[in-house]
Amino acid sequence: MPWLLPKTITPDADQMLKRWLGELSERLSDPAVDRYALVRDELSRILHARPYAELAEVAPMAALALDPANATLEAEYYIATDPEQFRRVKPLLWFWKALDLTPLGQSVHSGVAIRRALAPFIFKRVGKNPKFFQNVEFSVGYNLELGDDVVVHRYCLLDDIGGLVIGDGTSISDYVDIYSHTHHVLNSPDVTLKQTIIGSGVRITTRSTVLAGVTIGDDALIGTGALVNRDVPPHGIALGRPAKTVRCKLRLDWPQPYFHETVPRIPDRKPNPDFPHFIAPGYGTCQPEETKEA
């Protein structure tokens, strides 16, 4: 018996959705299109059933709230964000977030279809059949690489600012956080970007956290609530906080080479030239007095 059952909406509604998504993809494929104007116009039609210019006349604050040019996203405040690359994807990230809060975004059928249509215009690379549920957050979007048939469930954070690669058939459960940057323990503005690699066929279960620079090997399983701060081998089952690989699946027929071994590694790097690649004299850590051994 299959785990998932096929579900459809009415044929007329499905045809209307496909037609709109086809037109949207065609417009986004045009390098001359103004993505900011496109997004504000579409949101005005969907949320207020009127052209944006008319909305601006009768409800200027409502119009202001829809326009991505009048919004700021968290990544814009980071020195590590590339302004030109982010300018290109920002309106589509805004569109994604705004539609998530509508009935279109809350419906699995239309929500997944909309995000699947937007993904190729946001991410660095996207394979076939990505499946995103609602309220997934990205840091910049343009540094995310996805293989085929990747599933990301609700309320996940995919921090791709330092580079995030996810292989084919990987499933990321609800409330998972995956990072690709770190802060120095003694000086919070001192940030290091670290590429994070998730192999093919990986399952990361609910409320887990994957820290920057980690590689999770193909077919690994990350247990509920785990904190992954070190590499996990292929087929490994990692549990706990911090996560430890407690056993490995027996997979004699897994295709070689492993996907995670084929990904070109990006060196760790500092986005802010004010912070060097070494700890300045006078900085360090020590044990609290009450934990020191006599």
Protein backbone atom coordinates (compact mmCIF):
# COMPACT_ATOMS: atom_id res chain seq x y z
CA MET A 1 0.00 0.00 0.00
CA PRO A 2 1.43 3.44 -0.90
CA TRP A 3 2.11 5.96 1.86
CA LEU A 4 0.62 8.90 -0.05
CA LEU A 5 -2.72 8.97 -1.86
CA PRO A 6 -3.34 10.96 -5.07
CA LYS A 7 -5.56 13.99 -4.60
CA THR A 8 -6.95 16.44 -7.15
CA ILE A 9 -9.03 19.60 -7.31
CA THR A 10 -11.82 20.28 -9.79
CA PRO A 11 -10.67 20.15 -13.44
CA ASP A 12 -11.68 23.75 -14.14
CA ALA A 13 -9.79 25.06 -11.13
CA ASP A 14 -6.73 22.97 -11.95
CA GLN A 15 -6.73 24.23 -15.53
CA MET A 16 -6.99 27.83 -14.34
CA LEU A 17 -4.09 27.32 -11.91
CA LYS A 18 -1.90 25.71 -14.58
CA ARG A 19 -2.67 28.51 -17.04
CA TRP A 20 -1.76 31.19 -14.51
CA LEU A 21 1.47 29.42 -13.50
CA GLY A 22 2.41 28.96 -17.16
CA GLU A 23 1.93 32.65 -17.85
CA LEU A 24 3.84 33.54 -14.68
CA SER A 25 6.81 31.33 -15.65
CA GLU A 26 6.84 32.76 -19.14
CA ARG A 27 6.98 36.32 -17.81
CA LEU A 28 9.69 35.49 -15.27
CA SER A 29 11.77 33.91 -18.05
CA ASP A 30 11.93 37.29 -19.79
CA PRO A 31 15.10 39.07 -18.56
CA ALA A 32 13.51 42.42 -19.35
CA VAL A 33 10.54 41.94 -17.01
CA ASP A 34 10.37 44.10 -13.88
CA ARG A 35 9.98 41.46 -11.17
CA TYR A 36 9.08 44.04 -8.53
CA ALA A 37 6.17 45.38 -10.62
CA LEU A 38 5.09 41.87 -11.54
CA VAL A 39 4.88 40.77 -7.91
CA ARG A 40 3.01 43.82 -6.65
CA ASP A 41 0.55 43.57 -9.57
CA GLU A 42 -0.13 39.87 -9.02
CA LEU A 43 -0.55 40.31 -5.26
CA SER A 44 -3.00 43.15 -5.87
CA ARG A 45 -5.06 40.96 -8.19
CA ILE A 46 -5.00 37.95 -5.84
CA LEU A 47 -5.55 39.74 -2.53
CA HIS A 48 -7.65 42.76 -3.56
CA ALA A 49 -9.15 41.80 -6.94
CA ARG A 50 -8.08 45.05 -8.59
CA PRO A 51 -5.11 46.51 -10.50
CA TYR A 52 -2.28 47.86 -8.37
CA ALA A 53 -2.70 51.44 -9.62
CA GLU A 54 -6.36 51.41 -8.58
CA LEU A 55 -5.48 49.94 -5.18
CA ALA A 56 -2.89 52.67 -4.65
CA GLU A 57 -5.61 55.27 -5.25
CA VAL A 58 -8.19 53.89 -2.83
CA ALA A 59 -5.98 52.17 -0.23
CA PRO A 60 -2.42 53.49 -0.43
CA MET A 61 -1.19 51.68 2.70
CA ALA A 62 -2.48 48.36 1.38
CA ALA A 63 -0.65 49.02 -1.87
CA LEU A 64 2.54 50.00 -0.05
CA ALA A 65 2.46 46.73 1.92
CA LEU A 66 2.33 44.60 -1.24
CA ASP A 67 5.26 46.14 -3.10
CA PRO A 68 8.57 44.30 -2.47
CA ALA A 69 10.36 47.58 -3.17
CA ASN A 70 8.81 48.88 0.07
CA ALA A 71 9.80 45.82 2.11
CA THR A 72 13.10 44.81 3.64
CA LEU A 73 14.11 41.21 4.25
CA GLU A 74 16.57 40.08 6.89
CA ALA A 75 19.32 39.16 4.41
CA GLU A 76 19.54 42.76 3.21
CA TYR A 77 21.06 43.74 6.55
CA TYR A 78 23.94 41.25 6.24
CA ILE A 79 27.30 42.23 4.77
CA ALA A 80 27.63 38.68 3.41
CA THR A 81 24.65 39.16 1.08
CA ASP A 82 25.50 39.96 -2.52
CA PRO A 83 23.34 43.04 -3.31
CA GLU A 84 23.01 42.36 -7.04
CA GLN A 85 22.11 38.69 -6.68
CA PHE A 86 19.67 39.43 -3.88
CA ARG A 87 18.03 42.26 -5.83
CA ARG A 88 17.12 39.70 -8.50
CA VAL A 89 15.54 37.14 -6.14
CA LYS A 90 14.09 39.44 -3.47
CA PRO A 91 10.70 40.10 -5.13
CA LEU A 92 10.18 36.37 -5.68
CA LEU A 93 11.05 35.56 -2.06
CA TRP A 94 8.52 38.23 -1.07
CA PHE A 95 5.95 36.70 -3.45
CA TRP A 96 6.60 33.22 -1.98
CA LYS A 97 6.20 34.47 1.61
CA ALA A 98 3.08 36.52 0.83
CA LEU A 99 1.31 33.71 -1.02
CA ASP A 100 2.06 31.29 1.84
CA LEU A 101 -0.33 33.35 3.97
CA THR A 102 -3.20 33.12 1.47
CA PRO A 103 -5.67 30.30 0.80
CA LEU A 104 -3.69 29.56 -2.39
CA GLY A 105 -0.59 28.96 -0.33
CA GLN A 106 -2.28 26.99 2.42
CA SER A 107 -3.77 24.48 -0.01
CA VAL A 108 -1.26 21.69 -0.63
CA HIS A 109 -2.20 21.33 -4.30
CA SER A 110 -1.89 24.98 -5.31
CA GLY A 111 0.77 25.90 -2.75
CA VAL A 112 3.23 23.22 -3.85
CA ALA A 113 2.60 24.06 -7.50
CA ILE A 114 3.25 27.78 -6.96
CA ARG A 115 6.49 27.19 -5.06
CA ARG A 116 7.62 24.66 -7.66
CA ALA A 117 7.08 27.29 -10.37
CA LEU A 118 9.02 29.98 -8.47
CA ALA A 119 11.95 27.78 -7.36
CA PRO A 120 13.96 27.80 -10.66
CA PHE A 121 13.93 31.60 -10.68
CA ILE A 122 15.23 31.87 -7.09
CA PHE A 123 17.64 29.03 -6.37
CA LYS A 124 21.11 28.46 -7.77
CA ARG A 125 20.07 25.03 -9.02
CA VAL A 126 16.84 23.07 -8.71
CA GLY A 127 16.10 19.54 -9.91
CA LYS A 128 12.81 17.93 -10.87
CA ASN A 129 9.72 17.89 -8.68
CA PRO A 130 10.74 19.95 -5.64
CA LYS A 131 8.04 19.83 -2.98
CA PHE A 132 7.90 22.70 -0.52
CA PHE A 133 5.19 23.06 2.07
CA GLN A 134 4.21 26.43 3.53
CA ASN A 135 6.30 28.82 5.62
CA VAL A 136 9.76 27.62 4.66
CA GLU A 137 12.35 30.38 5.13
CA PHE A 138 15.56 31.01 3.19
CA SER A 139 18.35 33.44 3.94
CA VAL A 140 19.22 34.52 0.38
CA GLY A 141 17.89 31.77 -1.90
CA TYR A 142 20.50 32.24 -4.63
CA ASN A 143 23.04 29.96 -2.86
CA LEU A 144 20.69 26.96 -2.54
CA GLU A 145 21.23 23.89 -4.77
CA LEU A 146 18.61 21.15 -4.90
CA GLY A 147 18.60 17.73 -6.57
CA ASP A 148 15.51 15.90 -7.83
CA ASP A 149 12.48 15.06 -5.68
CA VAL A 150 13.55 17.02 -2.60
CA VAL A 151 10.80 17.48 0.01
CA VAL A 152 10.88 20.29 2.57
CA HIS A 153 8.09 20.41 5.14
CA ARG A 154 6.57 23.30 7.09
CA TYR A 155 8.44 25.93 9.07
CA CYS A 156 11.96 24.94 8.05
CA LEU A 157 14.87 27.36 7.85
CA LEU A 158 17.30 26.76 4.98
CA ASP A 159 20.14 29.19 5.64
CA ASP A 160 21.98 29.16 2.32
CA ILE A 161 24.06 32.32 2.70
CA GLY A 162 27.29 30.29 2.89
CA GLY A 163 26.15 27.69 0.35
CA LEU A 164 23.71 24.83 0.89
CA VAL A 165 23.58 21.72 -1.34
CA ILE A 166 20.83 19.06 -0.98
CA GLY A 167 20.90 15.81 -2.97
CA ASP A 168 18.19 13.82 -4.75
CA GLY A 169 15.31 12.36 -2.80
CA THR A 170 16.15 14.00 0.51
CA SER A 171 13.32 14.72 2.95
CA ILE A 172 13.48 17.51 5.52
CA SER A 173 10.78 17.36 8.15
CA ASP A 174 8.88 20.14 9.93
CA TYR A 175 10.73 22.70 12.06
CA VAL A 176 14.23 21.73 10.90
CA ASP A 177 16.96 24.41 10.84
CA ILE A 178 19.97 24.03 8.53
CA TYR A 179 22.75 26.65 8.72
CA SER A 180 25.68 27.68 6.54
CA HIS A 181 27.17 30.47 8.67
CA THR A 182 28.58 30.72 12.17
CA HIS A 183 29.31 33.50 14.68
CA HIS A 184 32.50 33.67 16.71
CA VAL A 185 31.76 32.71 20.31
CA LEU A 186 33.52 35.83 21.66
CA ASN A 187 32.61 38.35 18.98
CA SER A 188 29.19 37.94 17.45
CA PRO A 189 29.75 40.19 14.38
CA ASP A 190 32.67 37.95 13.38
CA VAL A 191 30.92 35.64 10.91
CA THR A 192 32.33 32.71 8.93
CA LEU A 193 30.52 31.29 5.91
CA LYS A 194 30.68 27.49 5.72
CA GLN A 195 29.16 25.40 2.94
CA THR A 196 26.77 22.71 4.22
CA ILE A 197 26.17 19.55 2.18
CA ILE A 198 23.23 17.17 2.58
CA GLY A 199 23.57 13.95 0.57
CA SER A 200 20.99 12.08 -1.49
CA GLY A 201 18.27 10.05 0.18
CA VAL A 202 18.81 11.72 3.55
CA ARG A 203 16.00 11.98 6.12
CA ILE A 204 16.24 14.83 8.60
CA THR A 205 13.43 14.44 11.09
CA THR A 206 11.45 17.02 13.00
CA ARG A 207 13.01 19.79 15.10
CA SER A 208 16.58 18.86 14.22
CA THR A 209 19.36 21.41 13.73
CA VAL A 210 22.25 21.06 11.29
CA LEU A 211 25.13 23.46 11.94
CA ALA A 212 27.24 25.18 9.31
CA GLY A 213 29.95 23.27 7.47
CA VAL A 214 28.53 19.83 8.20
CA THR A 215 28.35 17.10 5.56
CA ILE A 216 25.59 14.52 5.95
CA GLY A 217 26.32 11.46 3.84
CA ASP A 218 23.89 9.76 1.46
CA ASP A 219 21.01 7.77 2.99
CA ALA A 220 21.72 9.03 6.51
CA LEU A 221 18.95 9.48 9.07
CA ILE A 222 18.97 12.35 11.56
CA GLY A 223 16.79 11.58 14.57
CA THR A 224 14.16 13.85 16.09
CA GLY A 225 15.58 16.89 17.85
CA ALA A 226 19.18 16.08 16.99
CA LEU A 227 21.89 18.75 16.93
CA VAL A 228 24.29 17.87 14.10
CA ASN A 229 27.63 19.61 14.65
CA ARG A 230 29.90 17.08 12.91
CA ASP A 231 29.85 15.04 9.72
CA VAL A 232 27.55 12.02 9.49
CA PRO A 233 28.75 9.09 7.35
CA PRO A 234 26.64 7.63 4.53
CA HIS A 235 23.84 5.37 5.82
CA GLY A 236 24.51 6.60 9.36
CA ILE A 237 21.77 6.99 11.97
CA ALA A 238 22.63 10.01 14.12
CA LEU A 239 20.82 10.75 17.38
CA GLY A 240 21.14 13.18 20.27
CA ARG A 241 22.41 16.63 21.18
CA PRO A 242 25.11 16.75 19.99
CA ALA A 243 24.30 14.03 17.49
CA LYS A 244 26.34 10.84 17.42
CA THR A 245 26.20 8.13 14.79
CA VAL A 246 24.89 5.15 16.75
CA ARG A 247 24.61 2.65 13.90
CA CYS A 248 24.60 2.39 10.09
CA LYS A 249 22.06 0.93 7.67
CA LEU A 250 23.22 -2.05 5.65
CA ARG A 251 22.95 -0.87 2.02
CA LEU A 252 25.00 -3.13 -0.23
CA ASP A 253 23.39 -1.88 -3.43
CA TRP A 254 23.65 1.90 -2.90
CA PRO A 255 24.95 3.52 -6.12
CA GLN A 256 28.50 4.82 -6.17
CA PRO A 257 30.04 7.30 -5.97
CA TYR A 258 28.15 8.90 -3.13
CA PHE A 259 26.57 12.20 -4.14
CA HIS A 260 27.99 14.09 -1.17
CA GLU A 261 31.50 13.10 -2.26
CA THR A 262 31.01 14.66 -5.71
CA VAL A 263 30.03 18.15 -4.56
CA PRO A 264 32.81 20.73 -5.14
CA ARG A 265 33.83 22.05 -1.74
CA ILE A 266 33.81 25.79 -1.15
CA PRO A 267 36.43 26.94 1.39
CA ASP A 268 35.25 28.62 4.58
CA ARG A 269 35.40 32.39 4.16
CA LYS A 270 34.93 35.65 6.01
CA PRO A 271 32.42 38.06 4.46
CA ASN A 272 33.61 40.99 6.56
CA PRO A 273 37.24 42.09 5.97
CA ASP A 274 37.26 43.72 9.42
CA PHE A 275 37.60 40.26 10.97
CA PRO A 276 40.73 38.21 10.29
CA HIS A 277 40.97 34.44 9.83
CA PHE A 278 42.68 34.05 13.20
CA ILE A 279 41.85 34.83 16.82
CA ALA A 280 43.35 38.12 17.86
CA PRO A 281 45.67 38.17 20.90
CA GLY A 282 43.77 38.52 24.15
CA TYR A 283 40.85 36.42 22.98
CA GLY A 284 40.12 32.93 24.22
CA THR A 285 37.90 30.86 26.49
CA CYS A 286 38.28 29.38 29.92
CA GLN A 287 36.28 27.17 32.23
CA PRO A 288 33.95 28.85 34.73
CA GLU A 289 35.43 28.86 38.20
CA GLU A 290 32.87 26.43 39.58
CA THR A 291 33.76 23.78 36.94
CA LYS A 292 37.52 23.90 37.27
CA GLU A 293 39.14 20.87 38.80
CA ALA A 294 41.46 21.43 41.72
